[in-house]
Amino acid sequence: AFRLPTPLPRLPPISRCLLSSAMAPGRAPCNWLRRVLVAVAVARAAGSGAEPGIEPEACQMSDAHVVVIDISPYVDKEAHTDEARKKIAALWGTSFSTLGMVLIDGHGVPDDLVASLRAEAFAFFGKAPEEKAKFTFGPYGTPMGGYTPMGVEAVARSVEGVSSAPDLVENFAFRWEESGRGMQPAVKAGGWQKLPFPSAETYVDEMERVLRTLHEISADALSLPSRSFFEPFYAQPNGNALRLAHYPRVGAEANREAGQIRYGAHSDYQGFTILSPDPGDGGAAGGLQVQDPNTKLWVPVPPVKSTFAVNVGDLWERWTNDRWTSSVHRVTNPTGAGERGARLSLVYFSGPRADALIEPLPGLGESIYPPILAGDHLVQKLTRTNV
């Protein structure tokens, strides 16, 4: 047995979180893990102290944390056993029935592809407004995809009865063409090579591959009859979309309209979201947070290198008859004096075909919700979010 001094020494916030995790009953399953957590906390405390912080109040008030799941047993099946996949599926099901968000690694997406698309997106969003406006083809959510300027979207309004200020974000979206042959606006522009995002086509291909893997894991986690169960629901054209979300530089002390933040509290609309967050998230920079559904407190989503944040949307919560949780999340403003830099996330939304009838999956009991077409559900959500 070992003990720490009481009260805890003055440590940076993330170190205090690690110490709290190490010593809290039931948080660390065995003594060796407790010792690792303590060692990491002490090592961080011995450094410069300029570490990416987790908000102290989130650490102190919530026991929830976002787990990292290595999905490589499903990506490279020949190199792994059925027993390894069984363990991943069990953890997957537990994670989505509790906090509703995970980080995945072992997915096989090259780091340099992510970096290339991020650089191309920053270059586009740095252009003059009139240049970006050439790629506006309609309101946010239009089947044509394209550019949406800041001040148009208020995502918190997707929650029925909620009124909120516009979000501090601009974005560029790609959506599948109605024929399913390709993505808009690439088709409209005359091909991917005509757009200012030369890496986007390959990135979409990689996200489609990862999504198929997530569906296989989910089929096992939900004890469905086949790992290919979801394939017919996602035959193209489907509800998948790539969204490049840019949050311009903001003065940390400015509130603008009351309650206005970079991206308001909301749950996603359809299926899995696969998100590459900004690597600078955390501490005074603000960033992605998920709400603990039990305590309603906010939990930071740490930017872990080479991982993607994954959550499910409202439609999958209905589909699983509330077995899984559509997590509420948000992007917070920077804090402290002065200006904070721009933030960028690469978001791959997914959803079934518009004509897919959504009712409880096999084995999940009598339906809590009436059946709904996936397309009707999406239109209802998008209509509320436009300012």
Protein backbone atom coordinates (compact mmCIF):
# COMPACT_ATOMS: atom_id res chain seq x y z
CA ALA A 1 0.00 0.00 0.00
CA PHE A 2 1.09 3.59 -0.55
CA ARG A 3 -0.29 7.00 0.35
CA LEU A 4 -0.13 10.53 -0.98
CA PRO A 5 0.06 13.69 1.12
CA THR A 6 -3.18 15.42 2.01
CA PRO A 7 -4.05 17.94 0.71
CA LEU A 8 -2.56 17.23 -2.71
CA PRO A 9 0.45 19.37 -3.63
CA ARG A 10 0.03 22.27 -6.04
CA LEU A 11 0.06 20.54 -9.42
CA PRO A 12 -1.09 21.50 -12.92
CA PRO A 13 -4.71 20.47 -13.62
CA ILE A 14 -4.01 17.35 -15.69
CA SER A 15 -1.59 16.06 -13.03
CA ARG A 16 -4.28 16.46 -10.37
CA CYS A 17 -6.65 14.53 -12.65
CA LEU A 18 -4.17 11.70 -12.97
CA LEU A 19 -3.62 11.57 -9.22
CA SER A 20 -7.35 11.63 -8.59
CA SER A 21 -7.86 8.82 -11.10
CA ALA A 22 -5.09 6.80 -9.49
CA MET A 23 -6.38 7.07 -5.95
CA ALA A 24 -10.16 7.06 -6.41
CA PRO A 25 -11.76 3.76 -5.34
CA GLY A 26 -12.71 1.64 -8.29
CA ARG A 27 -11.07 3.86 -10.91
CA ALA A 28 -7.81 1.92 -11.27
CA PRO A 29 -8.44 -1.83 -11.34
CA CYS A 30 -5.09 -2.88 -9.87
CA ASN A 31 -2.08 -1.51 -8.03
CA TRP A 32 0.26 -1.50 -11.03
CA LEU A 33 -2.09 0.83 -12.92
CA ARG A 34 -2.36 3.10 -9.89
CA ARG A 35 1.43 3.29 -9.76
CA VAL A 36 1.61 4.15 -13.48
CA LEU A 37 -0.92 6.95 -13.07
CA VAL A 38 0.94 8.36 -10.08
CA ALA A 39 4.26 8.14 -11.93
CA VAL A 40 2.86 10.04 -14.91
CA ALA A 41 1.35 12.68 -12.65
CA VAL A 42 4.63 13.20 -10.79
CA ALA A 43 6.60 13.33 -14.04
CA ARG A 44 4.27 15.99 -15.41
CA ALA A 45 4.51 17.97 -12.21
CA ALA A 46 8.31 17.88 -12.39
CA GLY A 47 8.28 19.43 -15.87
CA SER A 48 7.71 22.99 -16.96
CA GLY A 49 4.05 22.98 -15.94
CA ALA A 50 3.09 24.21 -19.41
CA GLU A 51 1.02 21.13 -20.14
CA PRO A 52 -2.27 20.89 -22.00
CA GLY A 53 -4.72 21.35 -19.15
CA ILE A 54 -7.93 19.60 -18.35
CA GLU A 55 -10.32 21.98 -16.70
CA PRO A 56 -10.00 21.44 -12.92
CA GLU A 57 -13.72 21.57 -12.34
CA ALA A 58 -14.36 18.86 -14.94
CA CYS A 59 -11.74 16.68 -13.31
CA GLN A 60 -13.11 17.18 -9.81
CA MET A 61 -16.78 16.83 -10.64
CA SER A 62 -16.99 13.95 -13.10
CA ASP A 63 -15.71 10.39 -12.96
CA ALA A 64 -16.36 9.92 -16.69
CA HIS A 65 -13.51 9.73 -19.17
CA VAL A 66 -13.20 9.04 -22.88
CA VAL A 67 -11.61 5.64 -23.50
CA VAL A 68 -9.18 4.84 -26.33
CA ILE A 69 -10.09 1.68 -28.26
CA ASP A 70 -7.63 -0.06 -30.60
CA ILE A 71 -9.79 -1.33 -33.48
CA SER A 72 -6.92 -3.08 -35.31
CA PRO A 73 -8.38 -6.57 -34.60
CA TYR A 74 -11.18 -5.62 -37.01
CA VAL A 75 -8.95 -3.73 -39.46
CA ASP A 76 -6.43 -6.55 -39.89
CA LYS A 77 -8.45 -9.64 -39.12
CA GLU A 78 -5.81 -12.18 -40.12
CA ALA A 79 -3.36 -10.78 -37.57
CA HIS A 80 -5.80 -11.06 -34.66
CA THR A 81 -8.02 -13.65 -33.05
CA ASP A 82 -11.77 -13.88 -32.62
CA GLU A 83 -11.16 -13.54 -28.89
CA ALA A 84 -9.49 -10.16 -29.46
CA ARG A 85 -12.46 -9.00 -31.52
CA LYS A 86 -14.86 -10.22 -28.86
CA LYS A 87 -13.14 -8.04 -26.25
CA ILE A 88 -13.25 -4.99 -28.54
CA ALA A 89 -16.95 -5.50 -29.28
CA ALA A 90 -17.76 -5.76 -25.56
CA LEU A 91 -15.89 -2.54 -24.77
CA TRP A 92 -17.52 -0.85 -27.76
CA GLY A 93 -21.01 -1.71 -26.55
CA THR A 94 -20.27 -0.60 -22.99
CA SER A 95 -18.78 2.71 -24.12
CA PHE A 96 -21.74 3.66 -26.29
CA SER A 97 -24.28 2.70 -23.65
CA THR A 98 -22.58 5.02 -21.12
CA LEU A 99 -20.68 8.16 -22.19
CA GLY A 100 -21.42 7.69 -25.88
CA MET A 101 -18.02 8.74 -27.23
CA VAL A 102 -14.67 6.98 -27.69
CA LEU A 103 -11.29 7.61 -29.26
CA ILE A 104 -10.13 5.02 -31.81
CA ASP A 105 -6.65 4.09 -32.91
CA GLY A 106 -5.37 1.18 -34.98
CA HIS A 107 -7.65 2.40 -37.80
CA GLY A 108 -4.98 2.53 -40.50
CA VAL A 109 -5.58 6.12 -41.69
CA PRO A 110 -2.17 7.68 -42.51
CA ASP A 111 -1.18 10.66 -40.36
CA ASP A 112 0.18 12.48 -43.42
CA LEU A 113 -3.22 12.29 -45.14
CA VAL A 114 -4.88 13.97 -42.16
CA ALA A 115 -2.13 16.62 -42.06
CA SER A 116 -2.48 17.31 -45.80
CA LEU A 117 -6.24 17.86 -45.63
CA ARG A 118 -5.84 20.09 -42.58
CA ALA A 119 -3.29 22.25 -44.43
CA GLU A 120 -5.53 22.51 -47.51
CA ALA A 121 -8.51 23.48 -45.36
CA PHE A 122 -6.57 26.18 -43.50
CA ALA A 123 -5.43 27.59 -46.87
CA PHE A 124 -9.02 27.73 -48.14
CA PHE A 125 -10.49 29.33 -45.03
CA GLY A 126 -7.72 31.94 -45.12
CA LYS A 127 -9.01 33.26 -48.46
CA ALA A 128 -11.07 36.43 -48.85
CA PRO A 129 -14.83 36.08 -48.16
CA GLU A 130 -15.72 36.70 -51.81
CA GLU A 131 -13.43 33.85 -52.89
CA LYS A 132 -14.96 31.42 -50.44
CA ALA A 133 -18.48 32.54 -51.40
CA LYS A 134 -17.92 31.15 -54.91
CA PHE A 135 -18.41 27.72 -53.35
CA THR A 136 -21.73 28.52 -51.64
CA PHE A 137 -24.52 26.56 -53.33
CA GLY A 138 -27.34 26.99 -50.83
CA PRO A 139 -28.16 26.92 -47.10
CA TYR A 140 -26.22 24.72 -44.71
CA GLY A 141 -27.26 21.12 -45.33
CA THR A 142 -27.95 21.58 -49.04
CA PRO A 143 -27.41 18.39 -51.09
CA MET A 144 -24.93 20.40 -53.16
CA GLY A 145 -22.53 20.75 -50.24
CA GLY A 146 -20.04 23.62 -50.38
CA TYR A 147 -19.15 26.61 -48.22
CA THR A 148 -21.20 28.05 -45.33
CA PRO A 149 -19.96 31.32 -43.77
CA MET A 150 -19.95 32.11 -40.06
CA GLY A 151 -23.26 33.38 -38.65
CA VAL A 152 -25.50 30.97 -40.59
CA GLU A 153 -25.57 27.91 -38.36
CA ALA A 154 -26.77 27.53 -34.77
CA VAL A 155 -26.40 23.84 -34.05
CA ALA A 156 -27.91 23.98 -30.53
CA ARG A 157 -31.25 24.76 -32.19
CA SER A 158 -31.34 21.17 -33.44
CA VAL A 159 -32.63 20.38 -29.95
CA GLU A 160 -36.37 21.02 -30.10
CA GLY A 161 -37.38 24.17 -28.20
CA VAL A 162 -33.84 25.52 -27.82
CA SER A 163 -32.94 29.01 -29.05
CA SER A 164 -29.28 29.99 -29.37
CA ALA A 165 -26.95 32.48 -30.99
CA PRO A 166 -25.17 31.54 -34.24
CA ASP A 167 -22.05 29.42 -33.84
CA LEU A 168 -18.56 30.86 -34.29
CA VAL A 169 -17.73 28.54 -37.19
CA GLU A 170 -17.53 28.43 -40.97
CA ASN A 171 -17.44 25.19 -42.89
CA PHE A 172 -17.12 23.38 -46.18
CA ALA A 173 -19.21 20.24 -46.69
CA PHE A 174 -19.17 17.37 -49.18
CA ARG A 175 -22.30 15.26 -49.62
CA TRP A 176 -23.10 12.23 -51.76
CA GLU A 177 -24.74 13.02 -55.10
CA GLU A 178 -28.32 11.75 -55.33
CA SER A 179 -27.32 9.22 -57.98
CA GLY A 180 -24.63 7.87 -55.65
CA ARG A 181 -21.91 8.26 -58.32
CA GLY A 182 -19.83 10.76 -56.38
CA MET A 183 -19.76 13.60 -53.88
CA GLN A 184 -21.01 17.14 -54.28
CA PRO A 185 -19.61 19.72 -54.88
CA ALA A 186 -16.85 17.66 -56.53
CA VAL A 187 -19.30 16.55 -59.24
CA LYS A 188 -20.58 20.10 -59.78
CA ALA A 189 -17.05 21.52 -59.93
CA GLY A 190 -16.02 19.04 -62.63
CA GLY A 191 -14.13 16.63 -60.40
CA TRP A 192 -12.14 16.57 -57.16
CA GLN A 193 -9.13 18.10 -58.93
CA LYS A 194 -11.16 21.28 -59.53
CA LEU A 195 -11.58 21.90 -55.79
CA PRO A 196 -9.01 23.46 -53.41
CA PHE A 197 -8.81 20.21 -51.41
CA PRO A 198 -6.73 17.70 -53.41
CA SER A 199 -6.57 15.28 -50.44
CA ALA A 200 -10.32 15.22 -49.81
CA GLU A 201 -11.16 12.36 -52.20
CA THR A 202 -8.64 10.01 -50.60
CA TYR A 203 -9.75 11.11 -47.13
CA VAL A 204 -13.38 10.27 -47.97
CA ASP A 205 -12.30 6.83 -49.21
CA GLU A 206 -10.48 6.22 -45.91
CA MET A 207 -13.45 7.38 -43.84
CA GLU A 208 -15.76 5.05 -45.79
CA ARG A 209 -13.40 2.16 -45.01
CA VAL A 210 -13.23 3.06 -41.31
CA LEU A 211 -17.02 3.43 -41.17
CA ARG A 212 -17.50 -0.08 -42.55
CA THR A 213 -15.21 -1.33 -39.79
CA LEU A 214 -17.22 0.53 -37.12
CA HIS A 215 -20.40 -1.05 -38.47
CA GLU A 216 -18.84 -4.51 -38.19
CA ILE A 217 -17.82 -3.86 -34.58
CA SER A 218 -21.31 -2.57 -33.83
CA ALA A 219 -22.98 -5.61 -35.36
CA ASP A 220 -20.95 -7.83 -33.03
CA ALA A 221 -21.55 -5.55 -30.03
CA LEU A 222 -25.32 -5.62 -30.63
CA SER A 223 -25.39 -9.39 -31.34
CA LEU A 224 -26.80 -8.88 -34.83
CA PRO A 225 -26.97 -11.87 -37.19
CA SER A 226 -24.17 -10.69 -39.50
CA ARG A 227 -21.27 -8.22 -39.49
CA SER A 228 -22.59 -7.01 -42.85
CA PHE A 229 -26.00 -6.18 -41.34
CA PHE A 230 -25.73 -2.41 -41.92
CA GLU A 231 -24.46 -2.55 -45.53
CA PRO A 232 -27.86 -2.34 -47.29
CA PHE A 233 -28.89 0.60 -45.12
CA TYR A 234 -25.78 2.51 -46.20
CA ALA A 235 -25.84 1.71 -49.91
CA GLN A 236 -25.12 4.89 -51.88
CA PRO A 237 -26.52 7.47 -52.03
CA ASN A 238 -26.52 7.64 -48.25
CA GLY A 239 -26.37 10.33 -45.58
CA ASN A 240 -22.58 10.39 -45.25
CA ALA A 241 -20.85 13.75 -45.47
CA LEU A 242 -17.42 15.28 -44.92
CA ARG A 243 -17.39 18.61 -43.11
CA LEU A 244 -14.30 20.80 -42.74
CA ALA A 245 -15.12 23.01 -39.74
CA HIS A 246 -13.04 26.14 -39.21
CA TYR A 247 -13.28 28.23 -36.05
CA PRO A 248 -11.60 31.61 -36.74
CA ARG A 249 -9.36 33.39 -34.26
CA VAL A 250 -11.37 34.92 -31.44
CA GLY A 251 -10.66 37.31 -28.60
CA ALA A 252 -10.78 35.13 -25.50
CA GLU A 253 -12.46 37.80 -23.40
CA ALA A 254 -15.23 38.61 -25.88
CA ASN A 255 -18.66 37.02 -25.41
CA ARG A 256 -20.32 38.59 -28.48
CA GLU A 257 -23.92 37.52 -27.97
CA ALA A 258 -24.85 36.02 -24.64
CA GLY A 259 -24.00 32.35 -24.54
CA GLN A 260 -22.37 32.33 -27.97
CA ILE A 261 -19.63 29.73 -28.26
CA ARG A 262 -17.66 28.13 -31.06
CA TYR A 263 -20.17 25.28 -31.44
CA GLY A 264 -23.22 24.95 -29.23
CA ALA A 265 -24.21 21.94 -27.15
CA HIS A 266 -25.91 19.37 -29.37
CA SER A 267 -26.12 15.73 -30.29
CA ASP A 268 -25.37 14.60 -33.83
CA TYR A 269 -28.23 13.73 -36.10
CA GLN A 270 -27.73 10.33 -37.65
CA GLY A 271 -25.11 7.57 -37.30
CA PHE A 272 -21.44 7.49 -36.41
CA THR A 273 -19.41 10.67 -36.50
CA ILE A 274 -15.67 10.18 -37.09
CA LEU A 275 -13.88 13.35 -36.04
CA SER A 276 -10.26 14.42 -36.25
CA PRO A 277 -10.14 17.16 -33.58
CA ASP A 278 -7.76 20.07 -33.46
CA PRO A 279 -4.45 18.94 -31.91
CA GLY A 280 -4.32 22.18 -29.92
CA ASP A 281 -7.51 21.46 -27.98
CA GLY A 282 -7.37 21.62 -24.19
CA GLY A 283 -6.70 24.09 -21.40
CA ALA A 284 -6.98 27.79 -22.29
CA ALA A 285 -7.50 26.93 -25.97
CA GLY A 286 -10.90 25.40 -25.21
CA GLY A 287 -12.09 22.68 -27.55
CA LEU A 288 -14.24 19.57 -27.76
CA GLN A 289 -16.14 18.44 -24.66
CA VAL A 290 -18.72 15.69 -24.14
CA GLN A 291 -21.44 15.76 -21.51
CA ASP A 292 -21.63 13.01 -18.93
CA PRO A 293 -25.27 11.84 -19.35
CA ASN A 294 -25.50 10.93 -15.65
CA THR A 295 -24.10 14.06 -14.00
CA LYS A 296 -24.67 16.49 -16.91
CA LEU A 297 -21.13 17.74 -16.33
CA TRP A 298 -18.67 18.38 -19.15
CA VAL A 299 -15.72 16.08 -19.85
CA PRO A 300 -12.86 17.30 -22.09
CA VAL A 301 -12.03 15.08 -25.06
CA PRO A 302 -8.22 15.00 -25.10
CA PRO A 303 -6.42 15.28 -28.47
CA VAL A 304 -4.52 11.98 -28.58
CA LYS A 305 -2.15 11.70 -31.56
CA SER A 306 -3.34 9.53 -34.45
CA THR A 307 -6.79 8.95 -32.96
CA PHE A 308 -10.28 9.91 -34.06
CA ALA A 309 -13.16 10.79 -31.75
CA VAL A 310 -16.23 8.66 -32.52
CA ASN A 311 -19.81 9.10 -31.33
CA VAL A 312 -23.28 8.05 -32.49
CA GLY A 313 -26.14 10.34 -33.41
CA ASP A 314 -29.82 10.56 -32.53
CA LEU A 315 -30.94 8.20 -35.28
CA TRP A 316 -28.78 5.39 -33.92
CA GLU A 317 -30.10 6.03 -30.43
CA ARG A 318 -33.57 5.37 -31.87
CA TRP A 319 -32.29 2.41 -33.88
CA THR A 320 -30.83 0.79 -30.77
CA ASN A 321 -34.01 1.55 -28.81
CA ASP A 322 -32.01 3.72 -26.37
CA ARG A 323 -29.46 0.94 -25.78
CA TRP A 324 -26.78 3.36 -27.01
CA THR A 325 -26.42 7.04 -26.13
CA SER A 326 -26.33 9.91 -28.60
CA SER A 327 -23.79 12.02 -26.75
CA VAL A 328 -24.25 15.75 -26.20
CA HIS A 329 -21.06 17.63 -27.01
CA ARG A 330 -19.84 21.14 -27.75
CA VAL A 331 -16.77 23.19 -28.71
CA THR A 332 -15.90 25.78 -26.08
CA ASN A 333 -14.32 29.20 -26.50
CA PRO A 334 -10.75 29.98 -25.51
CA THR A 335 -10.30 31.41 -22.03
CA GLY A 336 -7.88 33.93 -20.58
CA ALA A 337 -6.59 37.24 -21.87
CA GLY A 338 -5.71 38.04 -25.46
CA GLU A 339 -6.52 36.31 -28.73
CA ARG A 340 -6.51 32.60 -29.35
CA GLY A 341 -5.69 30.96 -32.65
CA ALA A 342 -7.97 29.39 -35.19
CA ARG A 343 -9.23 25.85 -34.70
CA LEU A 344 -10.00 23.23 -37.34
CA SER A 345 -11.68 19.83 -37.17
CA LEU A 346 -12.30 17.27 -39.90
CA VAL A 347 -15.72 15.71 -39.36
CA TYR A 348 -17.10 12.70 -41.20
CA PHE A 349 -20.80 12.33 -40.54
CA SER A 350 -22.63 9.15 -41.49
CA GLY A 351 -26.24 8.15 -41.93
CA PRO A 352 -28.36 5.57 -43.73
CA ARG A 353 -30.03 6.03 -47.09
CA ALA A 354 -32.85 8.59 -47.03
CA ASP A 355 -35.40 5.84 -47.78
CA ALA A 356 -34.19 3.54 -44.98
CA LEU A 357 -36.92 2.81 -42.44
CA ILE A 358 -35.50 3.09 -38.94
CA GLU A 359 -37.11 0.91 -36.26
CA PRO A 360 -35.57 -1.15 -33.44
CA LEU A 361 -32.76 -3.49 -34.40
CA PRO A 362 -33.40 -7.23 -33.94
CA GLY A 363 -33.39 -8.37 -30.34
CA LEU A 364 -33.72 -4.91 -28.76
CA GLY A 365 -37.31 -5.14 -27.63
CA GLU A 366 -40.54 -3.29 -28.31
CA SER A 367 -39.96 0.11 -29.92
CA ILE A 368 -39.84 3.23 -27.77
CA TYR A 369 -40.11 5.40 -30.88
CA PRO A 370 -42.38 5.34 -33.94
CA PRO A 371 -40.69 4.24 -37.20
CA ILE A 372 -39.12 7.06 -39.24
CA LEU A 373 -37.39 7.39 -42.59
CA ALA A 374 -33.75 8.36 -42.18
CA GLY A 375 -34.14 11.21 -44.70
CA ASP A 376 -37.11 12.72 -42.89
CA HIS A 377 -35.22 12.63 -39.60
CA LEU A 378 -32.23 14.47 -41.11
CA VAL A 379 -34.36 17.17 -42.75
CA GLN A 380 -36.09 17.90 -39.43
CA LYS A 381 -32.73 18.44 -37.72
CA LEU A 382 -31.13 20.56 -40.48
CA THR A 383 -34.19 22.79 -40.78
CA ARG A 384 -33.90 23.81 -37.12
CA THR A 385 -30.19 24.66 -37.27
CA ASN A 386 -30.29 27.28 -40.05
CA VAL A 387 -30.40 30.83 -38.71
